Amino acid sequence: MLTERQRTERELHDRWADELSASSLMVEPSFEAITAPENGFALSWMGPLAGKYILDLGAGAGEASIYFASRGAHVTAVDISSRQLDVLKQAARLRRVAIEVLAVPAEKLPFPDEQFDLVYGDGVLHHVDMERAVPEINRVLRPRGRGVFIEPLTYNPLIWVYRRLAGGVRTPHERPLRRRDIKWVISNFARGGHREYWICALMIFVYFWLGERVSPSADRYWKKVRRDAPRYATLVKPLFALDRTLARIPGLRMLAWNTVIYVEKQAIVPR
């Protein structure tokens, strides 16, 4: 039985699936573009993918699932939206990769304990009931298994302006993360940390809006910035360089657009 929150998320993401094309998913750009530094770090934390059992949590149309599977991982993709997963299945067939696909909520995963080496999620935790979902993630991870989650932060006023302007492409229950949310997620695991991305580099969003006159309700900026990455490389390179310095300052790092939370499950201690 789905909660009201889960039903709303499913309905909206089902509807957004109509905008997607299996043949034009941004698989490689999502991980290799200069404008995808979060996933660059995620890959470094996950380590070699070949042979690993990976759960793609909130997989959506499957860019990450397809990327992992094409590099030799055994991938299980879960999402609450069956229509998003239909796109994933089509894309997997086009790419000739095998992915197990299940339409289930993150709060109740239908897997036995300790099934996965890695759990990955991009923009998922702030859509779900984290108090239920995070213990489930811990449960299905193997000892020394790792998780990595890319999530938006709540503190930057520029992003709040963007969220208001992009109300048509947002769900009513989603909540960007706060410091205490990050600490709580990490506290559920043996060890972990977080890194922040997009502080000054957020000026590219201002350029989209004022310079190119692109409405954030007409084109999701976070997709546009990856899709058109070569076009904006010269502009964002110095901004990312400055961000790497600013992200070392505790107060300023929380003004970033995204945080990447990385965790590891405790190993079994022999008796």
Protein backbone atom coordinates (compact mmCIF):
# COMPACT_ATOMS: atom_id res chain seq x y z
CA MET A 1 0.00 0.00 0.00
CA LEU A 2 1.58 3.28 -1.09
CA THR A 3 1.57 6.40 1.06
CA GLU A 4 0.18 9.69 -0.26
CA ARG A 5 3.73 10.88 -0.82
CA GLN A 6 4.61 7.77 -2.81
CA ARG A 7 1.46 7.97 -4.92
CA THR A 8 2.14 11.61 -5.78
CA GLU A 9 5.74 10.88 -6.72
CA ARG A 10 4.68 7.94 -8.86
CA GLU A 11 1.98 9.90 -10.70
CA LEU A 12 4.24 12.87 -11.48
CA HIS A 13 7.20 10.77 -12.58
CA ASP A 14 4.92 8.58 -14.68
CA ARG A 15 3.72 11.71 -16.44
CA TRP A 16 7.26 13.02 -16.96
CA ALA A 17 8.20 9.72 -18.58
CA ASP A 18 6.26 10.87 -21.65
CA GLU A 19 8.97 13.48 -22.25
CA LEU A 20 11.72 10.86 -22.45
CA SER A 21 13.19 8.95 -25.35
CA ALA A 22 15.06 5.70 -24.84
CA SER A 23 17.34 6.48 -27.76
CA SER A 24 18.47 9.87 -26.45
CA LEU A 25 19.27 9.25 -22.79
CA MET A 26 22.40 11.03 -21.56
CA VAL A 27 24.28 7.97 -20.40
CA GLU A 28 27.96 8.87 -20.91
CA PRO A 29 27.50 12.65 -20.39
CA SER A 30 25.91 11.96 -17.00
CA PHE A 31 29.21 10.50 -15.79
CA GLU A 32 31.92 11.84 -18.06
CA ALA A 33 30.93 15.42 -18.91
CA ILE A 34 32.89 18.25 -17.32
CA THR A 35 29.57 19.41 -15.86
CA ALA A 36 29.04 16.12 -13.97
CA PRO A 37 31.70 16.36 -11.23
CA GLU A 38 29.40 14.72 -8.69
CA ASN A 39 29.28 11.50 -10.67
CA GLY A 40 33.01 11.69 -11.29
CA PHE A 41 33.55 11.53 -7.54
CA ALA A 42 30.84 8.86 -7.17
CA LEU A 43 32.72 6.60 -9.57
CA SER A 44 35.96 7.08 -7.63
CA TRP A 45 34.18 6.07 -4.39
CA MET A 46 32.49 3.06 -5.97
CA GLY A 47 35.74 1.72 -7.42
CA PRO A 48 35.90 -0.85 -10.24
CA LEU A 49 32.40 -1.73 -11.42
CA ALA A 50 32.99 -4.98 -13.30
CA GLY A 51 31.44 -7.93 -11.47
CA LYS A 52 29.88 -5.78 -8.73
CA TYR A 53 26.24 -6.11 -7.71
CA ILE A 54 24.80 -2.60 -7.82
CA LEU A 55 21.41 -1.28 -6.73
CA ASP A 56 20.43 1.87 -8.63
CA LEU A 57 17.93 3.44 -6.24
CA GLY A 58 15.36 5.69 -7.87
CA ALA A 59 16.81 4.76 -11.23
CA GLY A 60 14.32 6.75 -13.32
CA ALA A 61 14.94 6.27 -17.04
CA GLY A 62 18.19 4.49 -16.28
CA GLU A 63 21.19 6.58 -17.33
CA ALA A 64 23.20 5.33 -14.36
CA SER A 65 21.96 1.75 -14.60
CA ILE A 66 22.98 1.54 -18.25
CA TYR A 67 26.35 3.15 -17.56
CA PHE A 68 27.12 0.65 -14.77
CA ALA A 69 25.88 -2.36 -16.75
CA SER A 70 27.89 -1.39 -19.82
CA ARG A 71 30.98 -1.55 -17.63
CA GLY A 72 30.35 -5.07 -16.45
CA ALA A 73 28.27 -4.61 -13.29
CA HIS A 74 25.23 -6.69 -12.33
CA VAL A 75 22.62 -3.95 -12.00
CA THR A 76 19.23 -3.91 -10.32
CA ALA A 77 17.23 -0.77 -11.02
CA VAL A 78 14.33 0.23 -8.78
CA ASP A 79 11.98 3.18 -9.07
CA ILE A 80 8.45 3.99 -7.98
CA SER A 81 7.51 4.99 -11.53
CA SER A 82 6.81 2.01 -13.77
CA ARG A 83 6.63 4.25 -16.83
CA GLN A 84 10.10 5.63 -16.20
CA LEU A 85 11.28 2.05 -15.91
CA ASP A 86 9.61 1.23 -19.24
CA VAL A 87 11.95 3.79 -20.81
CA LEU A 88 14.87 2.15 -19.00
CA LYS A 89 13.94 -1.26 -20.39
CA GLN A 90 13.79 0.11 -23.93
CA ALA A 91 17.13 1.86 -23.50
CA ALA A 92 18.72 -1.30 -22.09
CA ARG A 93 17.57 -3.26 -25.13
CA LEU A 94 19.00 -0.61 -27.45
CA ARG A 95 22.32 -0.70 -25.58
CA ARG A 96 22.24 -4.50 -25.30
CA VAL A 97 22.80 -4.61 -21.57
CA ALA A 98 21.01 -6.75 -18.99
CA ILE A 99 19.37 -4.93 -16.07
CA GLU A 100 16.91 -6.28 -13.50
CA VAL A 101 14.07 -3.78 -13.17
CA LEU A 102 11.54 -3.48 -10.32
CA ALA A 103 8.86 -0.84 -9.65
CA VAL A 104 9.06 -0.53 -5.86
CA PRO A 105 9.42 2.30 -3.31
CA ALA A 106 12.78 2.99 -1.72
CA GLU A 107 11.25 2.66 1.74
CA LYS A 108 10.57 -1.08 1.36
CA LEU A 109 13.10 -2.91 -0.77
CA PRO A 110 12.15 -6.51 -1.72
CA PHE A 111 15.66 -7.91 -1.36
CA PRO A 112 17.33 -10.15 1.20
CA ASP A 113 19.90 -8.76 3.56
CA GLU A 114 23.40 -8.04 2.25
CA GLN A 115 22.66 -8.53 -1.46
CA PHE A 116 24.54 -5.57 -3.01
CA ASP A 117 28.13 -4.40 -3.12
CA LEU A 118 27.08 -0.85 -4.00
CA VAL A 119 23.98 1.33 -3.75
CA TYR A 120 23.80 4.45 -5.91
CA GLY A 121 21.20 7.21 -5.95
CA ASP A 122 21.05 10.50 -7.83
CA GLY A 123 18.49 12.96 -6.46
CA VAL A 124 16.52 10.28 -4.63
CA LEU A 125 16.80 10.72 -0.86
CA HIS A 126 15.18 14.16 -0.83
CA HIS A 127 12.09 12.64 -2.50
CA VAL A 128 11.57 9.78 -0.04
CA ASP A 129 10.98 9.12 3.65
CA MET A 130 14.64 8.91 4.63
CA GLU A 131 13.92 7.48 8.08
CA ARG A 132 12.56 4.39 6.36
CA ALA A 133 14.70 4.32 3.22
CA VAL A 134 18.19 4.75 4.68
CA PRO A 135 17.97 1.73 7.07
CA GLU A 136 16.78 -0.30 4.07
CA ILE A 137 19.85 0.77 2.14
CA ASN A 138 22.06 -0.31 5.03
CA ARG A 139 20.25 -3.64 5.27
CA VAL A 140 20.74 -4.64 1.62
CA LEU A 141 24.42 -3.64 1.53
CA ARG A 142 27.02 -6.31 2.08
CA PRO A 143 29.69 -5.87 4.78
CA ARG A 144 32.09 -3.19 3.54
CA GLY A 145 29.53 -2.35 0.88
CA ARG A 146 29.42 1.28 -0.19
CA GLY A 147 26.69 3.77 -0.96
CA VAL A 148 26.84 7.12 -2.73
CA PHE A 149 24.02 9.64 -3.04
CA ILE A 150 23.88 12.94 -4.94
CA GLU A 151 21.43 15.33 -3.30
CA PRO A 152 20.49 19.03 -3.45
CA LEU A 153 21.16 21.33 -0.50
CA THR A 154 18.73 23.85 0.91
CA TYR A 155 20.86 26.89 1.75
CA ASN A 156 21.65 28.76 -1.48
CA PRO A 157 19.14 31.57 -2.19
CA LEU A 158 19.83 31.38 -5.94
CA ILE A 159 18.65 27.79 -5.97
CA TRP A 160 15.48 28.72 -4.13
CA VAL A 161 14.72 31.24 -6.86
CA TYR A 162 15.31 28.51 -9.43
CA ARG A 163 13.02 26.11 -7.56
CA ARG A 164 10.22 28.66 -7.54
CA LEU A 165 10.62 29.32 -11.26
CA ALA A 166 10.78 25.59 -12.00
CA GLY A 167 7.73 24.67 -9.96
CA GLY A 168 6.22 22.82 -12.89
CA VAL A 169 9.04 20.26 -12.90
CA ARG A 170 9.21 19.66 -9.16
CA THR A 171 7.20 17.43 -6.84
CA PRO A 172 5.37 18.83 -3.79
CA HIS A 173 7.00 16.53 -1.24
CA GLU A 174 10.66 16.90 -2.18
CA ARG A 175 12.85 18.64 0.40
CA PRO A 176 16.49 19.62 -0.22
CA LEU A 177 18.85 18.37 2.47
CA ARG A 178 20.11 20.24 5.52
CA ARG A 179 23.30 19.72 7.52
CA ARG A 180 21.50 17.57 10.05
CA ASP A 181 20.07 15.38 7.30
CA ILE A 182 23.55 14.70 5.95
CA LYS A 183 24.88 13.87 9.41
CA TRP A 184 21.95 11.57 10.09
CA VAL A 185 22.39 9.63 6.84
CA ILE A 186 26.09 9.10 7.56
CA SER A 187 25.36 8.07 11.17
CA ASN A 188 23.54 4.99 9.89
CA PHE A 189 26.79 3.55 8.54
CA ALA A 190 30.22 2.67 9.87
CA ARG A 191 31.89 5.58 8.13
CA GLY A 192 31.25 8.22 5.53
CA GLY A 193 31.48 11.84 4.53
CA HIS A 194 30.25 14.37 2.04
CA ARG A 195 31.55 16.67 -0.69
CA GLU A 196 29.89 19.72 -2.18
CA TYR A 197 29.70 20.88 -5.79
CA TRP A 198 28.34 23.91 -7.65
CA ILE A 199 28.86 27.13 -5.68
CA CYS A 200 30.12 29.80 -8.08
CA ALA A 201 29.46 27.44 -10.98
CA LEU A 202 25.77 28.05 -10.35
CA MET A 203 26.20 31.24 -12.34
CA ILE A 204 25.69 29.08 -15.43
CA PHE A 205 22.02 28.85 -14.36
CA VAL A 206 21.80 32.63 -14.32
CA TYR A 207 23.24 32.63 -17.83
CA PHE A 208 20.63 30.11 -18.98
CA TRP A 209 17.85 32.31 -17.60
CA LEU A 210 19.02 35.84 -18.41
CA GLY A 211 21.48 35.25 -21.23
CA GLU A 212 19.77 32.51 -23.22
CA ARG A 213 16.22 33.20 -22.01
CA VAL A 214 15.59 29.54 -21.25
CA SER A 215 12.72 29.02 -18.82
CA PRO A 216 13.56 26.56 -16.01
CA SER A 217 10.04 25.16 -16.36
CA ALA A 218 10.62 24.47 -20.06
CA ASP A 219 14.04 22.83 -19.81
CA ARG A 220 15.47 21.27 -16.65
CA TYR A 221 18.73 23.12 -16.09
CA TRP A 222 20.44 20.14 -14.46
CA LYS A 223 19.84 18.17 -17.66
CA LYS A 224 20.73 21.02 -20.00
CA VAL A 225 24.06 21.60 -18.29
CA ARG A 226 25.06 17.98 -18.94
CA ARG A 227 23.48 17.68 -22.37
CA ASP A 228 25.24 20.77 -23.69
CA ALA A 229 28.43 20.41 -21.64
CA PRO A 230 30.93 20.98 -24.52
CA ARG A 231 29.24 24.26 -25.30
CA TYR A 232 29.80 25.60 -21.78
CA ALA A 233 33.16 24.01 -20.92
CA THR A 234 35.17 27.24 -21.28
CA LEU A 235 32.74 29.06 -19.02
CA VAL A 236 32.52 26.49 -16.23
CA LYS A 237 36.16 25.37 -15.95
CA PRO A 238 37.37 28.42 -13.97
CA LEU A 239 34.19 28.39 -11.89
CA PHE A 240 34.74 24.77 -10.90
CA ALA A 241 38.36 25.56 -10.03
CA LEU A 242 37.17 28.32 -7.68
CA ASP A 243 34.52 26.02 -6.23
CA ARG A 244 37.14 23.44 -5.28
CA THR A 245 38.74 26.06 -3.06
CA LEU A 246 35.47 27.35 -1.61
CA ALA A 247 34.26 23.82 -0.85
CA ARG A 248 37.06 23.48 1.71
CA ILE A 249 35.49 26.24 3.81
CA PRO A 250 32.82 24.72 6.12
CA GLY A 251 30.40 27.65 6.04
CA LEU A 252 30.64 28.31 2.32
CA ARG A 253 30.42 24.69 1.21
CA MET A 254 26.80 24.53 2.37
CA LEU A 255 25.91 27.17 -0.23
CA ALA A 256 26.54 24.58 -2.93
CA TRP A 257 23.80 23.24 -5.14
CA ASN A 258 24.62 19.56 -4.54
CA THR A 259 26.23 17.40 -1.92
CA VAL A 260 27.56 13.89 -2.52
CA ILE A 261 27.11 11.68 0.53
CA TYR A 262 29.38 8.64 0.57
CA VAL A 263 29.12 5.83 3.12
CA GLU A 264 30.47 2.38 3.89
CA LYS A 265 28.86 -0.42 5.87
CA GLN A 266 30.66 -2.00 8.75
CA ALA A 267 32.49 -5.25 8.13
CA ILE A 268 31.52 -8.40 10.02
CA VAL A 269 33.90 -8.87 12.94
CA PRO A 270 34.88 -12.53 13.49
CA ARG A 271 34.15 -13.87 16.95
